[in-house]
């Protein structure tokens, strides 16, 4: 399952030379979605735009950032099981794979970040980190028994196990609902364009946030804090902060580092829907607290 890496000194602006063959199933699906995204631009309406924006928030903001990443992968907070399942369902509708696949791959990334075995290190080329690892990967999206080894905590739940094998079903059902509600143009916006943009924004955390931006912490990887990636991924772009403190639900550690998921989890906490928040703090904040004590 683990993908071997080329030497660290490889040019980050090129594809790695070790690539052997394309994962054609993934390539065809992505080509169709990109074509649909382009077609959506010729079928604009404010209603379609509103639907796409709302679904982008639900799938990337709630599904990927709050769910797959900060909750399911790192357990940065706790919430009721029904809400955890809801976030998992939202994540599946991003079409980035099922919960076992996403969580398993991300845990491997942290365990071997920018080292041999990292699935998407930019040291093998920024395009590899962005999308090459998907295009030329081993296609384990639906290999639930394999991915369960990397996410055994999720595999214990029948809901996640089934959702991983059929992660595409919620998107198909959503597409049918959109077709009935607003016709094919709404499908183009709410499914094809929304999914395509969501994929690229999420992939930028793997690529751009490991290449461009300042580093607050001296981590063993190339993670960086990238403000423009953070703006389109609900705070995921504060990536160096995250790699220094992986389990922290809070990624934007400074007041000016906007972090939607950190704000939202505090709202959930206020209503009793989130607890046991794991929170990293800057040294300056710790020093202030010590002086106050």
C-alpha atoms as a PDB file:
ATOM      1  CA  UNK A   1       0.000   0.000   0.000  1.00  0.00           C
ATOM      2  CA  UNK A   2       2.769   2.427   0.900  1.00  0.00           C
ATOM      3  CA  UNK A   3       4.310   4.200  -2.077  1.00  0.00           C
ATOM      4  CA  UNK A   4       8.081   4.360  -2.185  1.00  0.00           C
ATOM      5  CA  UNK A   5       9.733   7.726  -2.631  1.00  0.00           C
ATOM      6  CA  UNK A   6      12.443   9.019  -4.910  1.00  0.00           C
ATOM      7  CA  UNK A   7      15.432  10.881  -3.397  1.00  0.00           C
ATOM      8  CA  UNK A   8      14.580  13.988  -1.400  1.00  0.00           C
ATOM      9  CA  UNK A   9      16.640  16.199  -3.699  1.00  0.00           C
ATOM     10  CA  UNK A  10      14.266  15.626  -6.635  1.00  0.00           C
ATOM     11  CA  UNK A  11      13.039  18.771  -8.390  1.00  0.00           C
ATOM     12  CA  UNK A  12       9.737  19.743  -6.753  1.00  0.00           C
ATOM     13  CA  UNK A  13       8.428  21.190 -10.013  1.00  0.00           C
ATOM     14  CA  UNK A  14       8.448  17.928 -11.949  1.00  0.00           C
ATOM     15  CA  UNK A  15       6.725  14.581 -11.930  1.00  0.00           C
ATOM     16  CA  UNK A  16       8.745  11.714 -10.410  1.00  0.00           C
ATOM     17  CA  UNK A  17      10.387   9.412 -12.932  1.00  0.00           C
ATOM     18  CA  UNK A  18       9.360   6.253 -11.104  1.00  0.00           C
ATOM     19  CA  UNK A  19       5.765   6.430 -12.384  1.00  0.00           C
ATOM     20  CA  UNK A  20       4.904   3.285 -14.341  1.00  0.00           C
ATOM     21  CA  UNK A  21       1.239   3.346 -15.294  1.00  0.00           C
ATOM     22  CA  UNK A  22      -1.912   5.380 -14.938  1.00  0.00           C
ATOM     23  CA  UNK A  23      -4.837   4.374 -12.772  1.00  0.00           C
ATOM     24  CA  UNK A  24      -7.249   4.567 -15.689  1.00  0.00           C
ATOM     25  CA  UNK A  25     -10.456   4.306 -13.657  1.00  0.00           C
ATOM     26  CA  UNK A  26      -9.472   7.375 -11.670  1.00  0.00           C
ATOM     27  CA  UNK A  27      -8.211   9.215 -14.763  1.00  0.00           C
ATOM     28  CA  UNK A  28     -11.485   8.697 -16.652  1.00  0.00           C
ATOM     29  CA  UNK A  29     -13.609   9.819 -13.706  1.00  0.00           C
ATOM     30  CA  UNK A  30     -11.507  12.947 -13.178  1.00  0.00           C
ATOM     31  CA  UNK A  31     -11.606  13.815 -16.879  1.00  0.00           C
ATOM     32  CA  UNK A  32     -15.390  13.547 -16.872  1.00  0.00           C
ATOM     33  CA  UNK A  33     -15.662  15.738 -13.799  1.00  0.00           C
ATOM     34  CA  UNK A  34     -13.320  18.378 -15.204  1.00  0.00           C
ATOM     35  CA  UNK A  35     -15.306  18.420 -18.451  1.00  0.00           C
ATOM     36  CA  UNK A  36     -18.514  18.797 -16.447  1.00  0.00           C
ATOM     37  CA  UNK A  37     -16.946  21.629 -14.439  1.00  0.00           C
ATOM     38  CA  UNK A  38     -16.142  23.509 -17.640  1.00  0.00           C
ATOM     39  CA  UNK A  39     -19.658  22.889 -18.972  1.00  0.00           C
ATOM     40  CA  UNK A  40     -21.091  24.327 -15.746  1.00  0.00           C
ATOM     41  CA  UNK A  41     -19.559  27.706 -16.549  1.00  0.00           C
ATOM     42  CA  UNK A  42     -21.811  27.906 -19.612  1.00  0.00           C
ATOM     43  CA  UNK A  43     -24.910  27.154 -17.528  1.00  0.00           C
ATOM     44  CA  UNK A  44     -24.669  29.827 -14.861  1.00  0.00           C
ATOM     45  CA  UNK A  45     -27.502  30.898 -12.600  1.00  0.00           C
ATOM     46  CA  UNK A  46     -27.454  32.451  -9.152  1.00  0.00           C
ATOM     47  CA  UNK A  47     -29.469  29.505  -7.872  1.00  0.00           C
ATOM     48  CA  UNK A  48     -26.912  27.033  -9.173  1.00  0.00           C
ATOM     49  CA  UNK A  49     -24.090  29.069  -7.652  1.00  0.00           C
ATOM     50  CA  UNK A  50     -25.832  29.154  -4.269  1.00  0.00           C
ATOM     51  CA  UNK A  51     -26.352  25.385  -4.332  1.00  0.00           C
ATOM     52  CA  UNK A  52     -22.699  24.771  -5.256  1.00  0.00           C
ATOM     53  CA  UNK A  53     -21.402  27.073  -2.501  1.00  0.00           C
ATOM     54  CA  UNK A  54     -23.675  25.479   0.120  1.00  0.00           C
ATOM     55  CA  UNK A  55     -22.613  21.977  -0.897  1.00  0.00           C
ATOM     56  CA  UNK A  56     -18.945  23.009  -0.958  1.00  0.00           C
ATOM     57  CA  UNK A  57     -19.282  24.134   2.650  1.00  0.00           C
ATOM     58  CA  UNK A  58     -21.057  20.925   3.661  1.00  0.00           C
ATOM     59  CA  UNK A  59     -18.604  18.587   1.945  1.00  0.00           C
ATOM     60  CA  UNK A  60     -15.259  20.368   2.419  1.00  0.00           C
ATOM     61  CA  UNK A  61     -15.889  22.534   5.481  1.00  0.00           C
ATOM     62  CA  UNK A  62     -17.853  19.943   7.450  1.00  0.00           C
ATOM     63  CA  UNK A  63     -16.958  16.702   5.690  1.00  0.00           C
ATOM     64  CA  UNK A  64     -13.208  17.075   5.123  1.00  0.00           C
ATOM     65  CA  UNK A  65     -11.987  19.675   7.617  1.00  0.00           C
ATOM     66  CA  UNK A  66     -14.283  19.030  10.585  1.00  0.00           C
ATOM     67  CA  UNK A  67     -14.842  15.352   9.792  1.00  0.00           C
ATOM     68  CA  UNK A  68     -12.290  13.305   7.886  1.00  0.00           C
ATOM     69  CA  UNK A  69      -9.308  15.371   9.029  1.00  0.00           C
ATOM     70  CA  UNK A  70      -9.676  16.861  12.494  1.00  0.00           C
ATOM     71  CA  UNK A  71     -12.143  14.328  13.912  1.00  0.00           C
ATOM     72  CA  UNK A  72     -11.786  10.970  12.161  1.00  0.00           C
ATOM     73  CA  UNK A  73      -8.020  11.078  11.517  1.00  0.00           C
ATOM     74  CA  UNK A  74      -6.611  12.980  14.492  1.00  0.00           C
ATOM     75  CA  UNK A  75      -9.425  12.808  17.052  1.00  0.00           C
ATOM     76  CA  UNK A  76      -8.910  16.469  17.914  1.00  0.00           C
ATOM     77  CA  UNK A  77     -12.296  16.565  19.635  1.00  0.00           C
ATOM     78  CA  UNK A  78     -15.242  14.361  20.531  1.00  0.00           C
ATOM     79  CA  UNK A  79     -18.866  14.664  19.500  1.00  0.00           C
ATOM     80  CA  UNK A  80     -22.047  12.555  19.502  1.00  0.00           C
ATOM     81  CA  UNK A  81     -21.827   9.487  17.285  1.00  0.00           C
ATOM     82  CA  UNK A  82     -24.684  10.672  15.075  1.00  0.00           C
ATOM     83  CA  UNK A  83     -22.801  13.903  14.364  1.00  0.00           C
ATOM     84  CA  UNK A  84     -19.589  11.974  13.696  1.00  0.00           C
ATOM     85  CA  UNK A  85     -21.478   9.813  11.182  1.00  0.00           C
ATOM     86  CA  UNK A  86     -22.985  12.930   9.599  1.00  0.00           C
ATOM     87  CA  UNK A  87     -19.540  14.470   9.102  1.00  0.00           C
ATOM     88  CA  UNK A  88     -18.391  11.165   7.580  1.00  0.00           C
ATOM     89  CA  UNK A  89     -21.290  11.195   5.133  1.00  0.00           C
ATOM     90  CA  UNK A  90     -20.498  14.796   4.187  1.00  0.00           C
ATOM     91  CA  UNK A  91     -16.875  13.795   3.610  1.00  0.00           C
ATOM     92  CA  UNK A  92     -17.888  10.972   1.293  1.00  0.00           C
ATOM     93  CA  UNK A  93     -19.844  13.462  -0.849  1.00  0.00           C
ATOM     94  CA  UNK A  94     -16.587  15.307  -1.546  1.00  0.00           C
ATOM     95  CA  UNK A  95     -15.677  12.295  -3.718  1.00  0.00           C
ATOM     96  CA  UNK A  96     -12.230  12.107  -2.100  1.00  0.00           C
ATOM     97  CA  UNK A  97     -12.763   8.489  -1.129  1.00  0.00           C
ATOM     98  CA  UNK A  98     -14.401   6.791   1.822  1.00  0.00           C
ATOM     99  CA  UNK A  99     -13.495   7.456   5.456  1.00  0.00           C
ATOM    100  CA  UNK A 100     -11.179   4.452   5.856  1.00  0.00           C
ATOM    101  CA  UNK A 101      -9.261   5.350   2.692  1.00  0.00           C
ATOM    102  CA  UNK A 102      -8.948   9.063   3.487  1.00  0.00           C
ATOM    103  CA  UNK A 103      -8.019   8.557   7.119  1.00  0.00           C
ATOM    104  CA  UNK A 104      -5.639   5.700   6.351  1.00  0.00           C
ATOM    105  CA  UNK A 105      -3.746   7.646   3.706  1.00  0.00           C
ATOM    106  CA  UNK A 106      -3.503  10.726   5.890  1.00  0.00           C
ATOM    107  CA  UNK A 107      -2.201   8.780   8.850  1.00  0.00           C
ATOM    108  CA  UNK A 108       0.479   7.275   6.616  1.00  0.00           C
ATOM    109  CA  UNK A 109       1.336  10.797   5.457  1.00  0.00           C
ATOM    110  CA  UNK A 110       1.902  11.934   9.042  1.00  0.00           C
ATOM    111  CA  UNK A 111       3.831   8.823   9.999  1.00  0.00           C
ATOM    112  CA  UNK A 112       6.210   9.211   7.027  1.00  0.00           C
ATOM    113  CA  UNK A 113       5.787  12.851   6.086  1.00  0.00           C
ATOM    114  CA  UNK A 114       8.116  13.795   3.210  1.00  0.00           C
ATOM    115  CA  UNK A 115      10.051  10.574   3.788  1.00  0.00           C
ATOM    116  CA  UNK A 116      10.093   7.286   1.858  1.00  0.00           C
ATOM    117  CA  UNK A 117       6.592   5.870   2.111  1.00  0.00           C
ATOM    118  CA  UNK A 118       4.755   9.204   2.125  1.00  0.00           C
ATOM    119  CA  UNK A 119       1.918   8.852  -0.441  1.00  0.00           C
ATOM    120  CA  UNK A 120       2.150  12.461  -1.633  1.00  0.00           C
ATOM    121  CA  UNK A 121       5.411  14.173  -0.793  1.00  0.00           C
ATOM    122  CA  UNK A 122       6.308  17.267  -2.904  1.00  0.00           C
ATOM    123  CA  UNK A 123       9.889  16.032  -2.829  1.00  0.00           C
ATOM    124  CA  UNK A 124       8.718  13.775  -5.632  1.00  0.00           C
ATOM    125  CA  UNK A 125       7.353  16.762  -7.536  1.00  0.00           C
ATOM    126  CA  UNK A 126       4.698  19.319  -6.715  1.00  0.00           C
ATOM    127  CA  UNK A 127       2.400  17.805  -9.342  1.00  0.00           C
ATOM    128  CA  UNK A 128       2.856  14.405  -7.741  1.00  0.00           C
ATOM    129  CA  UNK A 129       1.860  15.840  -4.350  1.00  0.00           C
ATOM    130  CA  UNK A 130      -1.101  17.647  -5.906  1.00  0.00           C
ATOM    131  CA  UNK A 131      -2.710  14.957  -8.053  1.00  0.00           C
ATOM    132  CA  UNK A 132      -0.081  12.579  -9.428  1.00  0.00           C
ATOM    133  CA  UNK A 133      -0.366  10.266  -6.437  1.00  0.00           C
ATOM    134  CA  UNK A 134      -4.049   9.846  -7.286  1.00  0.00           C
ATOM    135  CA  UNK A 135      -3.574   9.473 -11.053  1.00  0.00           C
ATOM    136  CA  UNK A 136      -0.722   6.987 -10.713  1.00  0.00           C
ATOM    137  CA  UNK A 137      -1.662   5.521  -7.349  1.00  0.00           C
ATOM    138  CA  UNK A 138      -2.622   1.978  -6.551  1.00  0.00           C
ATOM    139  CA  UNK A 139      -6.360   2.672  -6.556  1.00  0.00           C
ATOM    140  CA  UNK A 140      -7.187   1.481  -3.045  1.00  0.00           C
ATOM    141  CA  UNK A 141     -10.304   3.634  -2.681  1.00  0.00           C
ATOM    142  CA  UNK A 142     -12.584   0.613  -2.471  1.00  0.00           C
ATOM    143  CA  UNK A 143     -10.124  -1.848  -0.933  1.00  0.00           C
ATOM    144  CA  UNK A 144     -11.837  -1.607   2.415  1.00  0.00           C
ATOM    145  CA  UNK A 145     -10.151  -4.628   4.077  1.00  0.00           C
ATOM    146  CA  UNK A 146      -6.715  -3.147   3.284  1.00  0.00           C
ATOM    147  CA  UNK A 147      -7.530   0.386   4.378  1.00  0.00           C
ATOM    148  CA  UNK A 148      -9.115  -0.941   7.579  1.00  0.00           C
ATOM    149  CA  UNK A 149      -5.597  -1.847   8.737  1.00  0.00           C
ATOM    150  CA  UNK A 150      -4.684   1.836   8.779  1.00  0.00           C
ATOM    151  CA  UNK A 151      -7.947   2.991  10.384  1.00  0.00           C
ATOM    152  CA  UNK A 152      -8.950   0.157  12.726  1.00  0.00           C
ATOM    153  CA  UNK A 153     -10.873   2.521  14.998  1.00  0.00           C
ATOM    154  CA  UNK A 154     -13.194   3.445  12.127  1.00  0.00           C
ATOM    155  CA  UNK A 155     -13.366  -0.097  10.760  1.00  0.00           C
ATOM    156  CA  UNK A 156     -15.069  -1.184  13.974  1.00  0.00           C
ATOM    157  CA  UNK A 157     -18.104   0.811  12.875  1.00  0.00           C
ATOM    158  CA  UNK A 158     -20.215  -0.961  10.277  1.00  0.00           C
ATOM    159  CA  UNK A 159     -21.367   2.451   9.026  1.00  0.00           C
ATOM    160  CA  UNK A 160     -17.837   3.516   8.077  1.00  0.00           C
ATOM    161  CA  UNK A 161     -16.944   0.112   6.670  1.00  0.00           C
ATOM    162  CA  UNK A 162     -19.907   0.119   4.280  1.00  0.00           C
ATOM    163  CA  UNK A 163     -19.522   3.810   3.462  1.00  0.00           C
ATOM    164  CA  UNK A 164     -15.907   3.248   2.452  1.00  0.00           C
ATOM    165  CA  UNK A 165     -16.857   0.532  -0.045  1.00  0.00           C
ATOM    166  CA  UNK A 166     -19.725   2.571  -1.474  1.00  0.00           C
ATOM    167  CA  UNK A 167     -18.458   6.104  -0.893  1.00  0.00           C
ATOM    168  CA  UNK A 168     -19.701   7.189  -4.324  1.00  0.00           C
ATOM    169  CA  UNK A 169     -23.346   6.300  -3.623  1.00  0.00           C
ATOM    170  CA  UNK A 170     -24.195   9.474  -1.611  1.00  0.00           C
ATOM    171  CA  UNK A 171     -22.905  11.616  -4.483  1.00  0.00           C
ATOM    172  CA  UNK A 172     -25.041   9.703  -6.999  1.00  0.00           C
ATOM    173  CA  UNK A 173     -28.112  10.098  -4.790  1.00  0.00           C
ATOM    174  CA  UNK A 174     -27.364  13.798  -4.365  1.00  0.00           C
ATOM    175  CA  UNK A 175     -26.990  14.159  -8.133  1.00  0.00           C
ATOM    176  CA  UNK A 176     -30.422  12.624  -8.687  1.00  0.00           C
ATOM    177  CA  UNK A 177     -31.969  15.001  -6.154  1.00  0.00           C
ATOM    178  CA  UNK A 178     -30.322  17.985  -7.844  1.00  0.00           C
ATOM    179  CA  UNK A 179     -31.501  16.820 -11.281  1.00  0.00           C
ATOM    180  CA  UNK A 180     -35.099  16.550 -10.051  1.00  0.00           C
ATOM    181  CA  UNK A 181     -34.858  19.885  -8.258  1.00  0.00           C
ATOM    182  CA  UNK A 182     -33.038  22.057 -10.770  1.00  0.00           C
ATOM    183  CA  UNK A 183     -32.278  20.086 -13.912  1.00  0.00           C
ATOM    184  CA  UNK A 184     -28.955  19.088 -15.436  1.00  0.00           C
ATOM    185  CA  UNK A 185     -27.435  22.558 -15.021  1.00  0.00           C
ATOM    186  CA  UNK A 186     -27.771  22.222 -11.257  1.00  0.00           C
ATOM    187  CA  UNK A 187     -26.054  18.834 -11.453  1.00  0.00           C
ATOM    188  CA  UNK A 188     -23.181  20.462 -13.342  1.00  0.00           C
ATOM    189  CA  UNK A 189     -22.767  23.055 -10.596  1.00  0.00           C
ATOM    190  CA  UNK A 190     -23.692  21.066  -7.507  1.00  0.00           C
ATOM    191  CA  UNK A 191     -21.768  17.923  -8.460  1.00  0.00           C
ATOM    192  CA  UNK A 192     -19.202  18.369 -11.236  1.00  0.00           C
ATOM    193  CA  UNK A 193     -17.929  21.908 -10.610  1.00  0.00           C
ATOM    194  CA  UNK A 194     -18.234  21.699  -6.829  1.00  0.00           C
ATOM    195  CA  UNK A 195     -16.414  18.355  -6.607  1.00  0.00           C
ATOM    196  CA  UNK A 196     -13.657  19.430  -9.002  1.00  0.00           C
ATOM    197  CA  UNK A 197     -12.934  22.649  -7.114  1.00  0.00           C
ATOM    198  CA  UNK A 198     -13.077  20.797  -3.792  1.00  0.00           C
ATOM    199  CA  UNK A 199     -10.562  18.227  -4.979  1.00  0.00           C
ATOM    200  CA  UNK A 200      -8.044  20.822  -6.141  1.00  0.00           C
ATOM    201  CA  UNK A 201      -8.415  22.945  -3.017  1.00  0.00           C
ATOM    202  CA  UNK A 202      -7.860  19.897  -0.801  1.00  0.00           C
ATOM    203  CA  UNK A 203      -4.926  18.719  -2.910  1.00  0.00           C
ATOM    204  CA  UNK A 204      -3.309  22.144  -2.468  1.00  0.00           C
ATOM    205  CA  UNK A 205      -2.791  21.280   1.199  1.00  0.00           C
ATOM    206  CA  UNK A 206      -0.582  18.397   0.037  1.00  0.00           C
ATOM    207  CA  UNK A 207       1.235  20.432  -2.596  1.00  0.00           C
ATOM    208  CA  UNK A 208       1.223  24.227  -2.085  1.00  0.00           C
ATOM    209  CA  UNK A 209       1.209  24.029   1.723  1.00  0.00           C
ATOM    210  CA  UNK A 210       4.376  21.936   1.574  1.00  0.00           C
ATOM    211  CA  UNK A 211       6.161  24.283  -0.858  1.00  0.00           C
ATOM    212  CA  UNK A 212       5.133  27.927  -0.264  1.00  0.00           C
ATOM    213  CA  UNK A 213       4.763  29.845   2.973  1.00  0.00           C
ATOM    214  CA  UNK A 214       6.579  30.483   6.262  1.00  0.00           C
ATOM    215  CA  UNK A 215       7.467  27.842   8.848  1.00  0.00           C
ATOM    216  CA  UNK A 216       6.741  28.673  12.470  1.00  0.00           C
ATOM    217  CA  UNK A 217       7.903  25.287  13.780  1.00  0.00           C
ATOM    218  CA  UNK A 218      10.978  23.256  12.862  1.00  0.00           C
ATOM    219  CA  UNK A 219       9.275  20.017  11.884  1.00  0.00           C
ATOM    220  CA  UNK A 220      10.957  17.092  10.121  1.00  0.00           C
ATOM    221  CA  UNK A 221       8.869  17.662   6.988  1.00  0.00           C
ATOM    222  CA  UNK A 222       8.430  20.553   4.548  1.00  0.00           C
ATOM    223  CA  UNK A 223       5.030  21.708   5.858  1.00  0.00           C
ATOM    224  CA  UNK A 224       4.350  25.443   5.674  1.00  0.00           C
ATOM    225  CA  UNK A 225       1.687  27.916   6.721  1.00  0.00           C
ATOM    226  CA  UNK A 226      -0.017  29.104   3.549  1.00  0.00           C
ATOM    227  CA  UNK A 227      -2.684  31.763   4.068  1.00  0.00           C
ATOM    228  CA  UNK A 228      -4.363  31.493   0.669  1.00  0.00           C
ATOM    229  CA  UNK A 229      -4.689  27.725   0.981  1.00  0.00           C
ATOM    230  CA  UNK A 230      -6.154  28.264   4.455  1.00  0.00           C
ATOM    231  CA  UNK A 231      -8.733  30.681   3.045  1.00  0.00           C
ATOM    232  CA  UNK A 232     -10.185  28.115   0.622  1.00  0.00           C
ATOM    233  CA  UNK A 233      -9.916  25.057   2.879  1.00  0.00           C
ATOM    234  CA  UNK A 234     -11.524  26.342   6.082  1.00  0.00           C
ATOM    235  CA  UNK A 235      -8.194  26.704   7.888  1.00  0.00           C
ATOM    236  CA  UNK A 236      -6.338  23.630   6.631  1.00  0.00           C
ATOM    237  CA  UNK A 237      -3.600  25.764   5.073  1.00  0.00           C
ATOM    238  CA  UNK A 238      -1.968  26.483   8.452  1.00  0.00           C
ATOM    239  CA  UNK A 239      -0.179  23.266   7.705  1.00  0.00           C
ATOM    240  CA  UNK A 240       3.096  23.768   9.557  1.00  0.00           C
ATOM    241  CA  UNK A 241       1.123  24.477  12.724  1.00  0.00           C
ATOM    242  CA  UNK A 242      -0.788  21.261  12.103  1.00  0.00           C
ATOM    243  CA  UNK A 243       2.275  19.086  11.515  1.00  0.00           C
ATOM    244  CA  UNK A 244       3.841  20.432  14.679  1.00  0.00           C
ATOM    245  CA  UNK A 245       0.667  19.651  16.648  1.00  0.00           C
ATOM    246  CA  UNK A 246      -1.232  16.988  14.651  1.00  0.00           C
ATOM    247  CA  UNK A 247      -3.974  16.261  17.189  1.00  0.00           C
ATOM    248  CA  UNK A 248      -4.879  19.909  17.807  1.00  0.00           C
ATOM    249  CA  UNK A 249      -8.329  20.881  16.561  1.00  0.00           C
ATOM    250  CA  UNK A 250      -6.969  24.416  16.381  1.00  0.00           C
ATOM    251  CA  UNK A 251      -4.771  24.998  13.302  1.00  0.00           C
ATOM    252  CA  UNK A 252      -4.718  28.788  13.164  1.00  0.00           C
ATOM    253  CA  UNK A 253      -2.669  29.474  16.271  1.00  0.00           C
ATOM    254  CA  UNK A 254      -2.284  33.243  15.916  1.00  0.00           C
ATOM    255  CA  UNK A 255      -5.209  35.675  16.061  1.00  0.00           C
ATOM    256  CA  UNK A 256      -4.744  36.584  12.392  1.00  0.00           C
ATOM    257  CA  UNK A 257      -4.724  32.957  11.213  1.00  0.00           C
ATOM    258  CA  UNK A 258      -8.398  32.507  10.356  1.00  0.00           C
ATOM    259  CA  UNK A 259      -9.530  28.968  11.102  1.00  0.00           C
ATOM    260  CA  UNK A 260     -13.177  28.206  10.409  1.00  0.00           C
ATOM    261  CA  UNK A 261     -13.161  24.727  11.945  1.00  0.00           C
ATOM    262  CA  UNK A 262     -11.713  26.055  15.186  1.00  0.00           C
ATOM    263  CA  UNK A 263     -14.502  28.622  15.411  1.00  0.00           C
ATOM    264  CA  UNK A 264     -17.176  26.069  14.539  1.00  0.00           C
ATOM    265  CA  UNK A 265     -16.034  23.493  17.093  1.00  0.00           C
ATOM    266  CA  UNK A 266     -16.305  26.156  19.800  1.00  0.00           C
ATOM    267  CA  UNK A 267     -19.895  26.835  18.723  1.00  0.00           C
ATOM    268  CA  UNK A 268     -20.610  23.109  18.904  1.00  0.00           C
ATOM    269  CA  UNK A 269     -18.987  23.024  22.348  1.00  0.00           C
ATOM    270  CA  UNK A 270     -21.252  25.852  23.511  1.00  0.00           C
ATOM    271  CA  UNK A 271     -24.288  23.756  22.586  1.00  0.00           C
ATOM    272  CA  UNK A 272     -22.868  20.603  24.148  1.00  0.00           C
ATOM    273  CA  UNK A 273     -22.139  18.947  20.806  1.00  0.00           C
ATOM    274  CA  UNK A 274     -18.337  18.880  21.136  1.00  0.00           C
ATOM    275  CA  UNK A 275     -16.025  18.226  24.061  1.00  0.00           C
ATOM    276  CA  UNK A 276     -12.488  17.142  24.980  1.00  0.00           C
ATOM    277  CA  UNK A 277     -10.979  19.631  22.539  1.00  0.00           C
ATOM    278  CA  UNK A 278      -7.244  19.119  22.022  1.00  0.00           C
ATOM    279  CA  UNK A 279      -5.763  22.588  21.584  1.00  0.00           C
ATOM    280  CA  UNK A 280      -2.201  23.638  20.781  1.00  0.00           C
ATOM    281  CA  UNK A 281      -1.081  27.101  21.849  1.00  0.00           C
ATOM    282  CA  UNK A 282       1.686  29.481  20.861  1.00  0.00           C
ATOM    283  CA  UNK A 283       4.562  29.925  23.302  1.00  0.00           C
ATOM    284  CA  UNK A 284       3.485  33.545  23.775  1.00  0.00           C
ATOM    285  CA  UNK A 285       0.006  32.463  24.903  1.00  0.00           C
ATOM    286  CA  UNK A 286       1.478  29.954  27.330  1.00  0.00           C
ATOM    287  CA  UNK A 287       3.776  32.624  28.757  1.00  0.00           C
ATOM    288  CA  UNK A 288       0.817  35.012  29.287  1.00  0.00           C
ATOM    289  CA  UNK A 289      -1.129  32.294  31.085  1.00  0.00           C
ATOM    290  CA  UNK A 290       1.831  31.530  33.337  1.00  0.00           C
ATOM    291  CA  UNK A 291       2.222  35.205  34.268  1.00  0.00           C
ATOM    292  CA  UNK A 292      -1.513  35.422  34.987  1.00  0.00           C
ATOM    293  CA  UNK A 293      -1.283  32.383  37.271  1.00  0.00           C
END
